[in-house]
Amino acid sequence: MPRDAAEVLKDALELPPEARAALIGPLVESLDTEVDEDAEEAWREEIRRRLEEIDSGAAKLVPWDEARRRLLARR
């Protein structure tokens, strides 16, 4: 009898972090049924744009500890 998603998730959450991380990619990839041929180039352009904003000082960087604190405060 197949297990339901809640059971599989419960078991997966008991795995060590490295094993859980290894599951993420294949699960997400299994959902991609349509391939956008322009997606790779669009992401490269977005990365270039963001790097230019960082290099020029237009983007304000926030240390991870501060960003995490802000995110947790939203809960």
PDB file of N, CA and C in Angstrom:
ATOM      1  N   MET A   1       0.843  -1.172   0.000  1.00  0.00           N
ATOM      2  CA  MET A   1       0.000   0.000   0.000  1.00  0.00           C
ATOM      3  C   MET A   1       0.897   1.247   0.000  1.00  0.00           C
ATOM      4  N   PRO A   2       0.654   2.172  -0.917  1.00  0.00           N
ATOM      5  CA  PRO A   2       1.483   3.378  -0.967  1.00  0.00           C
ATOM      6  C   PRO A   2       1.291   4.249   0.274  1.00  0.00           C
ATOM      7  N   ARG A   3       2.379   4.890   0.686  1.00  0.00           N
ATOM      8  CA  ARG A   3       2.312   5.788   1.839  1.00  0.00           C
ATOM      9  C   ARG A   3       1.842   7.159   1.369  1.00  0.00           C
ATOM     10  N   ASP A   4       1.167   7.888   2.240  1.00  0.00           N
ATOM     11  CA  ASP A   4       0.729   9.217   1.837  1.00  0.00           C
ATOM     12  C   ASP A   4       1.854  10.231   2.046  1.00  0.00           C
ATOM     13  N   ALA A   5       1.677  11.409   1.478  1.00  0.00           N
ATOM     14  CA  ALA A   5       2.717  12.434   1.501  1.00  0.00           C
ATOM     15  C   ALA A   5       3.093  12.834   2.922  1.00  0.00           C
ATOM     16  N   ALA A   6       2.149  12.873   3.823  1.00  0.00           N
ATOM     17  CA  ALA A   6       2.435  13.270   5.204  1.00  0.00           C
ATOM     18  C   ALA A   6       3.388  12.280   5.867  1.00  0.00           C
ATOM     19  N   GLU A   7       3.225  10.991   5.588  1.00  0.00           N
ATOM     20  CA  GLU A   7       4.119   9.978   6.153  1.00  0.00           C
ATOM     21  C   GLU A   7       5.518  10.110   5.573  1.00  0.00           C
ATOM     22  N   VAL A   8       5.597  10.321   4.270  1.00  0.00           N
ATOM     23  CA  VAL A   8       6.893  10.463   3.617  1.00  0.00           C
ATOM     24  C   VAL A   8       7.603  11.708   4.157  1.00  0.00           C
ATOM     25  N   LEU A   9       6.864  12.811   4.299  1.00  0.00           N
ATOM     26  CA  LEU A   9       7.446  14.038   4.830  1.00  0.00           C
ATOM     27  C   LEU A   9       7.942  13.834   6.251  1.00  0.00           C
ATOM     28  N   LYS A  10       7.156  13.177   7.071  1.00  0.00           N
ATOM     29  CA  LYS A  10       7.558  12.916   8.454  1.00  0.00           C
ATOM     30  C   LYS A  10       8.882  12.155   8.493  1.00  0.00           C
ATOM     31  N   ASP A  11       8.992  11.120   7.671  1.00  0.00           N
ATOM     32  CA  ASP A  11      10.229  10.338   7.620  1.00  0.00           C
ATOM     33  C   ASP A  11      11.396  11.174   7.084  1.00  0.00           C
ATOM     34  N   ALA A  12      11.129  11.973   6.054  1.00  0.00           N
ATOM     35  CA  ALA A  12      12.188  12.795   5.461  1.00  0.00           C
ATOM     36  C   ALA A  12      12.715  13.815   6.467  1.00  0.00           C
ATOM     37  N   LEU A  13      11.842  14.376   7.278  1.00  0.00           N
ATOM     38  CA  LEU A  13      12.267  15.372   8.256  1.00  0.00           C
ATOM     39  C   LEU A  13      13.125  14.779   9.373  1.00  0.00           C
ATOM     40  N   GLU A  14      13.105  13.481   9.503  1.00  0.00           N
ATOM     41  CA  GLU A  14      13.945  12.811  10.498  1.00  0.00           C
ATOM     42  C   GLU A  14      15.357  12.537   9.978  1.00  0.00           C
ATOM     43  N   LEU A  15      15.568  12.751   8.687  1.00  0.00           N
ATOM     44  CA  LEU A  15      16.890  12.534   8.094  1.00  0.00           C
ATOM     45  C   LEU A  15      17.842  13.650   8.518  1.00  0.00           C
ATOM     46  N   PRO A  16      19.146  13.385   8.457  1.00  0.00           N
ATOM     47  CA  PRO A  16      20.108  14.452   8.749  1.00  0.00           C
ATOM     48  C   PRO A  16      20.013  15.543   7.677  1.00  0.00           C
ATOM     49  N   PRO A  17      20.448  16.757   7.994  1.00  0.00           N
ATOM     50  CA  PRO A  17      20.331  17.874   7.046  1.00  0.00           C
ATOM     51  C   PRO A  17      20.909  17.578   5.659  1.00  0.00           C
ATOM     52  N   GLU A  18      22.047  16.899   5.608  1.00  0.00           N
ATOM     53  CA  GLU A  18      22.668  16.616   4.312  1.00  0.00           C
ATOM     54  C   GLU A  18      21.766  15.739   3.446  1.00  0.00           C
ATOM     55  N   ALA A  19      21.131  14.764   4.057  1.00  0.00           N
ATOM     56  CA  ALA A  19      20.240  13.865   3.311  1.00  0.00           C
ATOM     57  C   ALA A  19      18.995  14.617   2.854  1.00  0.00           C
ATOM     58  N   ARG A  20      18.453  15.479   3.717  1.00  0.00           N
ATOM     59  CA  ARG A  20      17.276  16.279   3.321  1.00  0.00           C
ATOM     60  C   ARG A  20      17.630  17.189   2.155  1.00  0.00           C
ATOM     61  N   ALA A  21      18.817  17.802   2.207  1.00  0.00           N
ATOM     62  CA  ALA A  21      19.245  18.694   1.127  1.00  0.00           C
ATOM     63  C   ALA A  21      19.379  17.926  -0.183  1.00  0.00           C
ATOM     64  N   ALA A  22      19.847  16.686  -0.105  1.00  0.00           N
ATOM     65  CA  ALA A  22      20.019  15.880  -1.314  1.00  0.00           C
ATOM     66  C   ALA A  22      18.680  15.547  -1.968  1.00  0.00           C
ATOM     67  N   LEU A  23      17.604  15.559  -1.216  1.00  0.00           N
ATOM     68  CA  LEU A  23      16.280  15.249  -1.762  1.00  0.00           C
ATOM     69  C   LEU A  23      15.648  16.435  -2.488  1.00  0.00           C
ATOM     70  N   ILE A  24      16.043  17.639  -2.130  1.00  0.00           N
ATOM     71  CA  ILE A  24      15.375  18.831  -2.651  1.00  0.00           C
ATOM     72  C   ILE A  24      15.453  18.934  -4.170  1.00  0.00           C
ATOM     73  N   GLY A  25      16.660  18.847  -4.700  1.00  0.00           N
ATOM     74  CA  GLY A  25      16.847  19.021  -6.142  1.00  0.00           C
ATOM     75  C   GLY A  25      16.011  18.066  -6.980  1.00  0.00           C
ATOM     76  N   PRO A  26      16.138  16.775  -6.756  1.00  0.00           N
ATOM     77  CA  PRO A  26      15.360  15.837  -7.565  1.00  0.00           C
ATOM     78  C   PRO A  26      13.847  16.027  -7.422  1.00  0.00           C
ATOM     79  N   LEU A  27      13.391  16.396  -6.222  1.00  0.00           N
ATOM     80  CA  LEU A  27      11.952  16.618  -6.053  1.00  0.00           C
ATOM     81  C   LEU A  27      11.480  17.812  -6.873  1.00  0.00           C
ATOM     82  N   VAL A  28      12.222  18.909  -6.815  1.00  0.00           N
ATOM     83  CA  VAL A  28      11.843  20.098  -7.576  1.00  0.00           C
ATOM     84  C   VAL A  28      11.930  19.815  -9.072  1.00  0.00           C
ATOM     85  N   GLU A  29      13.007  19.160  -9.491  1.00  0.00           N
ATOM     86  CA  GLU A  29      13.160  18.844 -10.909  1.00  0.00           C
ATOM     87  C   GLU A  29      12.029  17.960 -11.415  1.00  0.00           C
ATOM     88  N   SER A  30      11.500  17.108 -10.559  1.00  0.00           N
ATOM     89  CA  SER A  30      10.414  16.224 -10.989  1.00  0.00           C
ATOM     90  C   SER A  30       9.138  16.993 -11.290  1.00  0.00           C
ATOM     91  N   LEU A  31       9.046  18.236 -10.801  1.00  0.00           N
ATOM     92  CA  LEU A  31       7.864  19.064 -11.058  1.00  0.00           C
ATOM     93  C   LEU A  31       7.981  19.849 -12.359  1.00  0.00           C
ATOM     94  N   ASP A  32       9.197  19.998 -12.867  1.00  0.00           N
ATOM     95  CA  ASP A  32       9.417  20.761 -14.089  1.00  0.00           C
ATOM     96  C   ASP A  32       9.050  19.920 -15.298  1.00  0.00           C
ATOM     97  N   THR A  33       7.848  20.130 -15.811  1.00  0.00           N
ATOM     98  CA  THR A  33       7.417  19.375 -16.987  1.00  0.00           C
ATOM     99  C   THR A  33       7.605  20.179 -18.259  1.00  0.00           C
ATOM    100  N   GLU A  34       7.634  21.509 -18.139  1.00  0.00           N
ATOM    101  CA  GLU A  34       7.854  22.361 -19.302  1.00  0.00           C
ATOM    102  C   GLU A  34       9.180  23.083 -19.134  1.00  0.00           C
ATOM    103  N   VAL A  35       9.961  23.102 -20.195  1.00  0.00           N
ATOM    104  CA  VAL A  35      11.264  23.748 -20.145  1.00  0.00           C
ATOM    105  C   VAL A  35      11.176  25.069 -20.900  1.00  0.00           C
ATOM    106  N   ASP A  36      11.528  26.142 -20.208  1.00  0.00           N
ATOM    107  CA  ASP A  36      11.583  27.458 -20.839  1.00  0.00           C
ATOM    108  C   ASP A  36      12.981  27.616 -21.411  1.00  0.00           C
ATOM    109  N   GLU A  37      13.085  27.614 -22.703  1.00  0.00           N
ATOM    110  CA  GLU A  37      14.386  27.671 -23.369  1.00  0.00           C
ATOM    111  C   GLU A  37      15.146  28.958 -23.050  1.00  0.00           C
ATOM    112  N   ASP A  38      14.440  30.026 -22.696  1.00  0.00           N
ATOM    113  CA  ASP A  38      15.081  31.312 -22.424  1.00  0.00           C
ATOM    114  C   ASP A  38      15.406  31.512 -20.949  1.00  0.00           C
ATOM    115  N   ALA A  39      15.057  30.569 -20.111  1.00  0.00           N
ATOM    116  CA  ALA A  39      15.219  30.748 -18.667  1.00  0.00           C
ATOM    117  C   ALA A  39      16.682  30.899 -18.259  1.00  0.00           C
ATOM    118  N   GLU A  40      17.562  30.091 -18.804  1.00  0.00           N
ATOM    119  CA  GLU A  40      18.979  30.162 -18.420  1.00  0.00           C
ATOM    120  C   GLU A  40      19.557  31.536 -18.725  1.00  0.00           C
ATOM    121  N   GLU A  41      19.301  32.026 -19.923  1.00  0.00           N
ATOM    122  CA  GLU A  41      19.828  33.343 -20.291  1.00  0.00           C
ATOM    123  C   GLU A  41      19.185  34.437 -19.447  1.00  0.00           C
ATOM    124  N   ALA A  42      17.907  34.315 -19.156  1.00  0.00           N
ATOM    125  CA  ALA A  42      17.234  35.309 -18.318  1.00  0.00           C
ATOM    126  C   ALA A  42      17.840  35.345 -16.923  1.00  0.00           C
ATOM    127  N   TRP A  43      18.158  34.180 -16.357  1.00  0.00           N
ATOM    128  CA  TRP A  43      18.790  34.140 -15.037  1.00  0.00           C
ATOM    129  C   TRP A  43      20.189  34.721 -15.080  1.00  0.00           C
ATOM    130  N   ARG A  44      20.952  34.421 -16.132  1.00  0.00           N
ATOM    131  CA  ARG A  44      22.295  34.998 -16.261  1.00  0.00           C
ATOM    132  C   ARG A  44      22.218  36.522 -16.295  1.00  0.00           C
ATOM    133  N   GLU A  45      21.266  37.053 -17.037  1.00  0.00           N
ATOM    134  CA  GLU A  45      21.100  38.501 -17.133  1.00  0.00           C
ATOM    135  C   GLU A  45      20.694  39.095 -15.782  1.00  0.00           C
ATOM    136  N   GLU A  46      19.805  38.414 -15.085  1.00  0.00           N
ATOM    137  CA  GLU A  46      19.382  38.881 -13.754  1.00  0.00           C
ATOM    138  C   GLU A  46      20.555  38.883 -12.778  1.00  0.00           C
ATOM    139  N   ILE A  47      21.377  37.863 -12.819  1.00  0.00           N
ATOM    140  CA  ILE A  47      22.554  37.794 -11.950  1.00  0.00           C
ATOM    141  C   ILE A  47      23.512  38.925 -12.286  1.00  0.00           C
ATOM    142  N   ARG A  48      23.745  39.154 -13.580  1.00  0.00           N
ATOM    143  CA  ARG A  48      24.615  40.266 -13.981  1.00  0.00           C
ATOM    144  C   ARG A  48      24.076  41.596 -13.454  1.00  0.00           C
ATOM    145  N   ARG A  49      22.761  41.806 -13.602  1.00  0.00           N
ATOM    146  CA  ARG A  49      22.146  43.048 -13.160  1.00  0.00           C
ATOM    147  C   ARG A  49      22.323  43.241 -11.662  1.00  0.00           C
ATOM    148  N   ARG A  50      22.089  42.189 -10.892  1.00  0.00           N
ATOM    149  CA  ARG A  50      22.217  42.283  -9.444  1.00  0.00           C
ATOM    150  C   ARG A  50      23.666  42.525  -9.018  1.00  0.00           C
ATOM    151  N   LEU A  51      24.596  41.874  -9.686  1.00  0.00           N
ATOM    152  CA  LEU A  51      26.003  42.101  -9.369  1.00  0.00           C
ATOM    153  C   LEU A  51      26.411  43.542  -9.660  1.00  0.00           C
ATOM    154  N   GLU A  52      25.907  44.095 -10.756  1.00  0.00           N
ATOM    155  CA  GLU A  52      26.193  45.490 -11.073  1.00  0.00           C
ATOM    156  C   GLU A  52      25.640  46.415  -9.989  1.00  0.00           C
ATOM    157  N   GLU A  53      24.435  46.109  -9.479  1.00  0.00           N
ATOM    158  CA  GLU A  53      23.859  46.921  -8.405  1.00  0.00           C
ATOM    159  C   GLU A  53      24.718  46.844  -7.138  1.00  0.00           C
ATOM    160  N   ILE A  54      25.226  45.664  -6.845  1.00  0.00           N
ATOM    161  CA  ILE A  54      26.086  45.509  -5.671  1.00  0.00           C
ATOM    162  C   ILE A  54      27.394  46.262  -5.880  1.00  0.00           C
ATOM    163  N   ASP A  55      28.015  46.063  -7.043  1.00  0.00           N
ATOM    164  CA  ASP A  55      29.305  46.707  -7.322  1.00  0.00           C
ATOM    165  C   ASP A  55      29.203  48.229  -7.336  1.00  0.00           C
ATOM    166  N   SER A  56      28.082  48.757  -7.807  1.00  0.00           N
ATOM    167  CA  SER A  56      27.924  50.211  -7.890  1.00  0.00           C
ATOM    168  C   SER A  56      27.482  50.827  -6.566  1.00  0.00           C
ATOM    169  N   GLY A  57      27.075  49.971  -5.623  1.00  0.00           N
ATOM    170  CA  GLY A  57      26.595  50.479  -4.344  1.00  0.00           C
ATOM    171  C   GLY A  57      25.113  50.798  -4.351  1.00  0.00           C
ATOM    172  N   ALA A  58      24.419  50.542  -5.456  1.00  0.00           N
ATOM    173  CA  ALA A  58      22.989  50.819  -5.546  1.00  0.00           C
ATOM    174  C   ALA A  58      22.171  49.871  -4.670  1.00  0.00           C
ATOM    175  N   ALA A  59      22.699  48.687  -4.449  1.00  0.00           N
ATOM    176  CA  ALA A  59      22.008  47.707  -3.605  1.00  0.00           C
ATOM    177  C   ALA A  59      22.644  47.726  -2.222  1.00  0.00           C
ATOM    178  N   LYS A  60      21.806  47.753  -1.215  1.00  0.00           N
ATOM    179  CA  LYS A  60      22.300  47.726   0.160  1.00  0.00           C
ATOM    180  C   LYS A  60      22.288  46.273   0.638  1.00  0.00           C
ATOM    181  N   LEU A  61      23.452  45.770   0.997  1.00  0.00           N
ATOM    182  CA  LEU A  61      23.556  44.398   1.470  1.00  0.00           C
ATOM    183  C   LEU A  61      23.256  44.334   2.967  1.00  0.00           C
ATOM    184  N   VAL A  62      22.635  43.251   3.372  1.00  0.00           N
ATOM    185  CA  VAL A  62      22.287  43.043   4.772  1.00  0.00           C
ATOM    186  C   VAL A  62      22.970  41.764   5.234  1.00  0.00           C
ATOM    187  N   PRO A  63      23.712  41.799   6.332  1.00  0.00           N
ATOM    188  CA  PRO A  63      24.335  40.570   6.833  1.00  0.00           C
ATOM    189  C   PRO A  63      23.283  39.504   7.145  1.00  0.00           C
ATOM    190  N   TRP A  64      23.653  38.247   6.983  1.00  0.00           N
ATOM    191  CA  TRP A  64      22.716  37.154   7.193  1.00  0.00           C
ATOM    192  C   TRP A  64      22.062  37.198   8.572  1.00  0.00           C
ATOM    193  N   ASP A  65      22.836  37.478   9.603  1.00  0.00           N
ATOM    194  CA  ASP A  65      22.257  37.515  10.951  1.00  0.00           C
ATOM    195  C   ASP A  65      21.126  38.529  11.042  1.00  0.00           C
ATOM    196  N   GLU A  66      21.313  39.687  10.424  1.00  0.00           N
ATOM    197  CA  GLU A  66      20.272  40.725  10.429  1.00  0.00           C
ATOM    198  C   GLU A  66      19.066  40.298   9.595  1.00  0.00           C
ATOM    199  N   ALA A  67      19.321  39.750   8.412  1.00  0.00           N
ATOM    200  CA  ALA A  67      18.222  39.291   7.559  1.00  0.00           C
ATOM    201  C   ALA A  67      17.420  38.196   8.258  1.00  0.00           C
ATOM    202  N   ARG A  68      18.109  37.274   8.889  1.00  0.00           N
ATOM    203  CA  ARG A  68      17.431  36.181   9.609  1.00  0.00           C
ATOM    204  C   ARG A  68      16.590  36.741  10.748  1.00  0.00           C
ATOM    205  N   ARG A  69      17.143  37.689  11.496  1.00  0.00           N
ATOM    206  CA  ARG A  69      16.409  38.305  12.596  1.00  0.00           C
ATOM    207  C   ARG A  69      15.128  38.966  12.075  1.00  0.00           C
ATOM    208  N   ARG A  70      15.233  39.677  10.954  1.00  0.00           N
ATOM    209  CA  ARG A  70      14.043  40.337  10.376  1.00  0.00           C
ATOM    210  C   ARG A  70      12.997  39.318   9.930  1.00  0.00           C
ATOM    211  N   LEU A  71      13.462  38.261   9.288  1.00  0.00           N
ATOM    212  CA  LEU A  71      12.521  37.242   8.821  1.00  0.00           C
ATOM    213  C   LEU A  71      11.799  36.571   9.997  1.00  0.00           C
ATOM    214  N   LEU A  72      12.550  36.234  11.030  1.00  0.00           N
ATOM    215  CA  LEU A  72      11.933  35.581  12.181  1.00  0.00           C
ATOM    216  C   LEU A  72      10.978  36.521  12.909  1.00  0.00           C
ATOM    217  N   ALA A  73      11.239  37.806  12.859  1.00  0.00           N
ATOM    218  CA  ALA A  73      10.371  38.781  13.515  1.00  0.00           C
ATOM    219  C   ALA A  73       9.008  38.889  12.819  1.00  0.00           C
ATOM    220  N   ARG A  74       8.937  38.471  11.578  1.00  0.00           N
ATOM    221  CA  ARG A  74       7.667  38.531  10.817  1.00  0.00           C
ATOM    222  C   ARG A  74       6.684  37.446  11.217  1.00  0.00           C
ATOM    223  N   ARG A  75       7.143  36.437  11.893  1.00  0.00           N
ATOM    224  CA  ARG A  75       6.277  35.290  12.232  1.00  0.00           C
ATOM    225  C   ARG A  75       5.180  35.671  13.162  1.00  0.00           C
TER     226      ARG A  75
END
